[in-house]
Amino acid sequence: MKNKLLLVVLLVLLGMWIGINLAKDKPLFSNPFANTDLGERATSTASKVVEGTREAIDRKFKGN
């Protein structure tokens, strides 16, 4: 019984680890608590903005 409880606790912790990384769009087994530096966050945000702009332009011109 003790072994099963320990296994359940370990699996929950592993699931949380992987879930946090999935939510942050990072590799599954990387450190979820590592701070990303400002340059990485700025690059990520800028690439998301550029992609969103491209999609909006495509929708606008394909709609006409």
PDB file of N, CA and C in Angstrom:
ATOM      1  N   MET A   1       0.818  -1.190   0.000  1.00  0.00           N
ATOM      2  CA  MET A   1       0.000   0.000   0.000  1.00  0.00           C
ATOM      3  C   MET A   1       0.865   1.259   0.000  1.00  0.00           C
ATOM      4  N   LYS A   2       1.928   1.223   0.779  1.00  0.00           N
ATOM      5  CA  LYS A   2       2.832   2.366   0.850  1.00  0.00           C
ATOM      6  C   LYS A   2       3.512   2.597  -0.498  1.00  0.00           C
ATOM      7  N   ASN A   3       3.891   1.517  -1.177  1.00  0.00           N
ATOM      8  CA  ASN A   3       4.543   1.627  -2.475  1.00  0.00           C
ATOM      9  C   ASN A   3       3.604   2.222  -3.524  1.00  0.00           C
ATOM     10  N   LYS A   4       2.340   1.831  -3.475  1.00  0.00           N
ATOM     11  CA  LYS A   4       1.370   2.363  -4.434  1.00  0.00           C
ATOM     12  C   LYS A   4       1.140   3.848  -4.214  1.00  0.00           C
ATOM     13  N   LEU A   5       1.079   4.265  -2.960  1.00  0.00           N
ATOM     14  CA  LEU A   5       0.901   5.679  -2.645  1.00  0.00           C
ATOM     15  C   LEU A   5       2.110   6.480  -3.122  1.00  0.00           C
ATOM     16  N   LEU A   6       3.287   5.964  -2.906  1.00  0.00           N
ATOM     17  CA  LEU A   6       4.502   6.621  -3.370  1.00  0.00           C
ATOM     18  C   LEU A   6       4.512   6.722  -4.890  1.00  0.00           C
ATOM     19  N   LEU A   7       4.093   5.680  -5.573  1.00  0.00           N
ATOM     20  CA  LEU A   7       4.023   5.686  -7.025  1.00  0.00           C
ATOM     21  C   LEU A   7       3.030   6.737  -7.522  1.00  0.00           C
ATOM     22  N   VAL A   8       1.888   6.832  -6.874  1.00  0.00           N
ATOM     23  CA  VAL A   8       0.878   7.815  -7.261  1.00  0.00           C
ATOM     24  C   VAL A   8       1.424   9.233  -7.074  1.00  0.00           C
ATOM     25  N   VAL A   9       2.077   9.489  -5.963  1.00  0.00           N
ATOM     26  CA  VAL A   9       2.638  10.813  -5.698  1.00  0.00           C
ATOM     27  C   VAL A   9       3.690  11.163  -6.745  1.00  0.00           C
ATOM     28  N   LEU A  10       4.565  10.223  -7.064  1.00  0.00           N
ATOM     29  CA  LEU A  10       5.601  10.470  -8.068  1.00  0.00           C
ATOM     30  C   LEU A  10       4.997  10.728  -9.448  1.00  0.00           C
ATOM     31  N   LEU A  11       3.975   9.973  -9.806  1.00  0.00           N
ATOM     32  CA  LEU A  11       3.340  10.184 -11.109  1.00  0.00           C
ATOM     33  C   LEU A  11       2.619  11.523 -11.188  1.00  0.00           C
ATOM     34  N   VAL A  12       2.010  11.945 -10.092  1.00  0.00           N
ATOM     35  CA  VAL A  12       1.361  13.260 -10.067  1.00  0.00           C
ATOM     36  C   VAL A  12       2.398  14.360 -10.231  1.00  0.00           C
ATOM     37  N   LEU A  13       3.512  14.243  -9.525  1.00  0.00           N
ATOM     38  CA  LEU A  13       4.580  15.250  -9.657  1.00  0.00           C
ATOM     39  C   LEU A  13       5.147  15.283 -11.074  1.00  0.00           C
ATOM     40  N   LEU A  14       5.354  14.124 -11.673  1.00  0.00           N
ATOM     41  CA  LEU A  14       5.854  14.068 -13.046  1.00  0.00           C
ATOM     42  C   LEU A  14       4.831  14.674 -14.014  1.00  0.00           C
ATOM     43  N   GLY A  15       3.567  14.400 -13.793  1.00  0.00           N
ATOM     44  CA  GLY A  15       2.521  14.976 -14.634  1.00  0.00           C
ATOM     45  C   GLY A  15       2.459  16.485 -14.527  1.00  0.00           C
ATOM     46  N   MET A  16       2.642  17.005 -13.311  1.00  0.00           N
ATOM     47  CA  MET A  16       2.662  18.455 -13.136  1.00  0.00           C
ATOM     48  C   MET A  16       3.864  19.068 -13.843  1.00  0.00           C
ATOM     49  N   TRP A  17       5.009  18.418 -13.738  1.00  0.00           N
ATOM     50  CA  TRP A  17       6.244  18.887 -14.383  1.00  0.00           C
ATOM     51  C   TRP A  17       6.022  19.009 -15.892  1.00  0.00           C
ATOM     52  N   ILE A  18       5.512  17.949 -16.483  1.00  0.00           N
ATOM     53  CA  ILE A  18       5.279  17.937 -17.930  1.00  0.00           C
ATOM     54  C   ILE A  18       4.167  18.916 -18.304  1.00  0.00           C
ATOM     55  N   GLY A  19       3.120  19.011 -17.491  1.00  0.00           N
ATOM     56  CA  GLY A  19       2.017  19.916 -17.779  1.00  0.00           C
ATOM     57  C   GLY A  19       2.436  21.372 -17.779  1.00  0.00           C
ATOM     58  N   ILE A  20       3.279  21.752 -16.843  1.00  0.00           N
ATOM     59  CA  ILE A  20       3.771  23.138 -16.803  1.00  0.00           C
ATOM     60  C   ILE A  20       4.571  23.428 -18.056  1.00  0.00           C
ATOM     61  N   ASN A  21       5.419  22.491 -18.475  1.00  0.00           N
ATOM     62  CA  ASN A  21       6.219  22.709 -19.676  1.00  0.00           C
ATOM     63  C   ASN A  21       5.351  22.759 -20.925  1.00  0.00           C
ATOM     64  N   LEU A  22       4.310  21.961 -20.987  1.00  0.00           N
ATOM     65  CA  LEU A  22       3.397  22.027 -22.125  1.00  0.00           C
ATOM     66  C   LEU A  22       2.712  23.387 -22.182  1.00  0.00           C
ATOM     67  N   ALA A  23       2.302  23.906 -21.038  1.00  0.00           N
ATOM     68  CA  ALA A  23       1.622  25.187 -20.988  1.00  0.00           C
ATOM     69  C   ALA A  23       2.538  26.331 -21.401  1.00  0.00           C
ATOM     70  N   LYS A  24       3.828  26.180 -21.145  1.00  0.00           N
ATOM     71  CA  LYS A  24       4.788  27.231 -21.490  1.00  0.00           C
ATOM     72  C   LYS A  24       5.436  27.018 -22.852  1.00  0.00           C
ATOM     73  N   ASP A  25       5.001  26.009 -23.602  1.00  0.00           N
ATOM     74  CA  ASP A  25       5.574  25.680 -24.911  1.00  0.00           C
ATOM     75  C   ASP A  25       7.076  25.462 -24.839  1.00  0.00           C
ATOM     76  N   LYS A  26       7.498  24.669 -23.870  1.00  0.00           N
ATOM     77  CA  LYS A  26       8.912  24.335 -23.701  1.00  0.00           C
ATOM     78  C   LYS A  26       9.079  22.834 -23.871  1.00  0.00           C
ATOM     79  N   PRO A  27      10.316  22.359 -24.041  1.00  0.00           N
ATOM     80  CA  PRO A  27      10.528  20.905 -24.097  1.00  0.00           C
ATOM     81  C   PRO A  27       9.986  20.237 -22.842  1.00  0.00           C
ATOM     82  N   LEU A  28       9.439  19.037 -22.988  1.00  0.00           N
ATOM     83  CA  LEU A  28       8.711  18.396 -21.900  1.00  0.00           C
ATOM     84  C   LEU A  28       9.517  18.211 -20.620  1.00  0.00           C
ATOM     85  N   PHE A  29      10.771  17.796 -20.729  1.00  0.00           N
ATOM     86  CA  PHE A  29      11.534  17.481 -19.537  1.00  0.00           C
ATOM     87  C   PHE A  29      12.530  18.569 -19.168  1.00  0.00           C
ATOM     88  N   SER A  30      12.327  19.799 -19.641  1.00  0.00           N
ATOM     89  CA  SER A  30      13.186  20.898 -19.215  1.00  0.00           C
ATOM     90  C   SER A  30      12.726  21.402 -17.856  1.00  0.00           C
ATOM     91  N   ASN A  31      13.511  22.244 -17.245  1.00  0.00           N
ATOM     92  CA  ASN A  31      13.188  22.766 -15.925  1.00  0.00           C
ATOM     93  C   ASN A  31      12.036  23.766 -16.043  1.00  0.00           C
ATOM     94  N   PRO A  32      10.871  23.459 -15.468  1.00  0.00           N
ATOM     95  CA  PRO A  32       9.735  24.375 -15.598  1.00  0.00           C
ATOM     96  C   PRO A  32       9.880  25.636 -14.758  1.00  0.00           C
ATOM     97  N   PHE A  33      10.808  25.640 -13.829  1.00  0.00           N
ATOM     98  CA  PHE A  33      10.964  26.786 -12.941  1.00  0.00           C
ATOM     99  C   PHE A  33      12.116  27.694 -13.352  1.00  0.00           C
ATOM    100  N   ALA A  34      12.799  27.365 -14.430  1.00  0.00           N
ATOM    101  CA  ALA A  34      13.900  28.193 -14.896  1.00  0.00           C
ATOM    102  C   ALA A  34      13.346  29.498 -15.461  1.00  0.00           C
ATOM    103  N   ASN A  35      13.981  30.579 -15.092  1.00  0.00           N
ATOM    104  CA  ASN A  35      13.560  31.882 -15.595  1.00  0.00           C
ATOM    105  C   ASN A  35      14.094  32.079 -17.008  1.00  0.00           C
ATOM    106  N   THR A  36      13.213  32.515 -17.886  1.00  0.00           N
ATOM    107  CA  THR A  36      13.678  32.863 -19.225  1.00  0.00           C
ATOM    108  C   THR A  36      14.128  34.310 -19.184  1.00  0.00           C
ATOM    109  N   ASP A  37      15.200  34.580 -19.875  1.00  0.00           N
ATOM    110  CA  ASP A  37      15.684  35.948 -19.847  1.00  0.00           C
ATOM    111  C   ASP A  37      14.819  36.850 -20.722  1.00  0.00           C
ATOM    112  N   LEU A  38      15.000  38.121 -20.586  1.00  0.00           N
ATOM    113  CA  LEU A  38      14.170  39.098 -21.267  1.00  0.00           C
ATOM    114  C   LEU A  38      14.291  38.972 -22.781  1.00  0.00           C
ATOM    115  N   GLY A  39      15.482  38.667 -23.275  1.00  0.00           N
ATOM    116  CA  GLY A  39      15.680  38.526 -24.716  1.00  0.00           C
ATOM    117  C   GLY A  39      14.858  37.392 -25.304  1.00  0.00           C
ATOM    118  N   GLU A  40      14.820  36.263 -24.613  1.00  0.00           N
ATOM    119  CA  GLU A  40      14.036  35.124 -25.097  1.00  0.00           C
ATOM    120  C   GLU A  40      12.550  35.442 -25.097  1.00  0.00           C
ATOM    121  N   ARG A  41      12.072  36.093 -24.046  1.00  0.00           N
ATOM    122  CA  ARG A  41      10.656  36.440 -23.984  1.00  0.00           C
ATOM    123  C   ARG A  41      10.291  37.452 -25.058  1.00  0.00           C
ATOM    124  N   ALA A  42      11.164  38.429 -25.298  1.00  0.00           N
ATOM    125  CA  ALA A  42      10.897  39.432 -26.322  1.00  0.00           C
ATOM    126  C   ALA A  42      10.876  38.795 -27.713  1.00  0.00           C
ATOM    127  N   THR A  43      11.811  37.901 -27.979  1.00  0.00           N
ATOM    128  CA  THR A  43      11.851  37.215 -29.263  1.00  0.00           C
ATOM    129  C   THR A  43      10.607  36.368 -29.467  1.00  0.00           C
ATOM    130  N   SER A  44      10.200  35.662 -28.441  1.00  0.00           N
ATOM    131  CA  SER A  44       9.010  34.822 -28.530  1.00  0.00           C
ATOM    132  C   SER A  44       7.763  35.666 -28.785  1.00  0.00           C
ATOM    133  N   THR A  45       7.620  36.751 -28.051  1.00  0.00           N
ATOM    134  CA  THR A  45       6.454  37.621 -28.218  1.00  0.00           C
ATOM    135  C   THR A  45       6.448  38.263 -29.594  1.00  0.00           C
ATOM    136  N   ALA A  46       7.607  38.713 -30.051  1.00  0.00           N
ATOM    137  CA  ALA A  46       7.682  39.347 -31.362  1.00  0.00           C
ATOM    138  C   ALA A  46       7.330  38.362 -32.472  1.00  0.00           C
ATOM    139  N   SER A  47       7.790  37.128 -32.359  1.00  0.00           N
ATOM    140  CA  SER A  47       7.469  36.143 -33.395  1.00  0.00           C
ATOM    141  C   SER A  47       5.980  35.821 -33.396  1.00  0.00           C
ATOM    142  N   LYS A  48       5.346  35.802 -32.228  1.00  0.00           N
ATOM    143  CA  LYS A  48       3.905  35.574 -32.164  1.00  0.00           C
ATOM    144  C   LYS A  48       3.142  36.737 -32.793  1.00  0.00           C
ATOM    145  N   VAL A  49       3.609  37.965 -32.564  1.00  0.00           N
ATOM    146  CA  VAL A  49       2.962  39.144 -33.149  1.00  0.00           C
ATOM    147  C   VAL A  49       3.099  39.125 -34.666  1.00  0.00           C
ATOM    148  N   VAL A  50       4.278  38.790 -35.162  1.00  0.00           N
ATOM    149  CA  VAL A  50       4.495  38.736 -36.609  1.00  0.00           C
ATOM    150  C   VAL A  50       3.604  37.679 -37.245  1.00  0.00           C
ATOM    151  N   GLU A  51       3.508  36.524 -36.622  1.00  0.00           N
ATOM    152  CA  GLU A  51       2.671  35.454 -37.164  1.00  0.00           C
ATOM    153  C   GLU A  51       1.197  35.871 -37.165  1.00  0.00           C
ATOM    154  N   GLY A  52       0.753  36.511 -36.111  1.00  0.00           N
ATOM    155  CA  GLY A  52      -0.626  36.986 -36.052  1.00  0.00           C
ATOM    156  C   GLY A  52      -0.910  38.038 -37.114  1.00  0.00           C
ATOM    157  N   THR A  53       0.055  38.902 -37.349  1.00  0.00           N
ATOM    158  CA  THR A  53      -0.104  39.931 -38.379  1.00  0.00           C
ATOM    159  C   THR A  53      -0.185  39.305 -39.758  1.00  0.00           C
ATOM    160  N   ARG A  54       0.654  38.324 -40.015  1.00  0.00           N
ATOM    161  CA  ARG A  54       0.614  37.633 -41.313  1.00  0.00           C
ATOM    162  C   ARG A  54      -0.741  36.975 -41.540  1.00  0.00           C
ATOM    163  N   GLU A  55      -1.249  36.328 -40.506  1.00  0.00           N
ATOM    164  CA  GLU A  55      -2.548  35.672 -40.638  1.00  0.00           C
ATOM    165  C   GLU A  55      -3.653  36.685 -40.889  1.00  0.00           C
ATOM    166  N   ALA A  56      -3.609  37.828 -40.208  1.00  0.00           N
ATOM    167  CA  ALA A  56      -4.626  38.866 -40.402  1.00  0.00           C
ATOM    168  C   ALA A  56      -4.560  39.438 -41.812  1.00  0.00           C
ATOM    169  N   ILE A  57      -3.369  39.648 -42.326  1.00  0.00           N
ATOM    170  CA  ILE A  57      -3.212  40.176 -43.690  1.00  0.00           C
ATOM    171  C   ILE A  57      -3.702  39.149 -44.696  1.00  0.00           C
ATOM    172  N   ASP A  58      -3.365  37.891 -44.480  1.00  0.00           N
ATOM    173  CA  ASP A  58      -3.832  36.848 -45.397  1.00  0.00           C
ATOM    174  C   ASP A  58      -5.356  36.769 -45.419  1.00  0.00           C
ATOM    175  N   ARG A  59      -5.970  36.843 -44.238  1.00  0.00           N
ATOM    176  CA  ARG A  59      -7.431  36.801 -44.178  1.00  0.00           C
ATOM    177  C   ARG A  59      -8.051  37.999 -44.880  1.00  0.00           C
ATOM    178  N   LYS A  60      -7.444  39.172 -44.729  1.00  0.00           N
ATOM    179  CA  LYS A  60      -7.982  40.382 -45.336  1.00  0.00           C
ATOM    180  C   LYS A  60      -7.924  40.314 -46.860  1.00  0.00           C
ATOM    181  N   PHE A  61      -6.791  39.898 -47.397  1.00  0.00           N
ATOM    182  CA  PHE A  61      -6.644  39.911 -48.856  1.00  0.00           C
ATOM    183  C   PHE A  61      -7.261  38.695 -49.518  1.00  0.00           C
ATOM    184  N   LYS A  62      -7.387  37.598 -48.814  1.00  0.00           N
ATOM    185  CA  LYS A  62      -8.054  36.437 -49.398  1.00  0.00           C
ATOM    186  C   LYS A  62      -9.560  36.599 -49.353  1.00  0.00           C
ATOM    187  N   GLY A  63     -10.047  37.463 -48.478  1.00  0.00           N
ATOM    188  CA  GLY A  63     -11.477  37.711 -48.366  1.00  0.00           C
ATOM    189  C   GLY A  63     -12.018  38.545 -49.510  1.00  0.00           C
ATOM    190  N   ASN A  64     -11.164  39.323 -50.185  1.00  0.00           N
ATOM    191  CA  ASN A  64     -11.616  40.195 -51.276  1.00  0.00           C
ATOM    192  C   ASN A  64     -11.702  39.475 -52.583  1.00  0.00           C
TER     193      ASN A  64
END
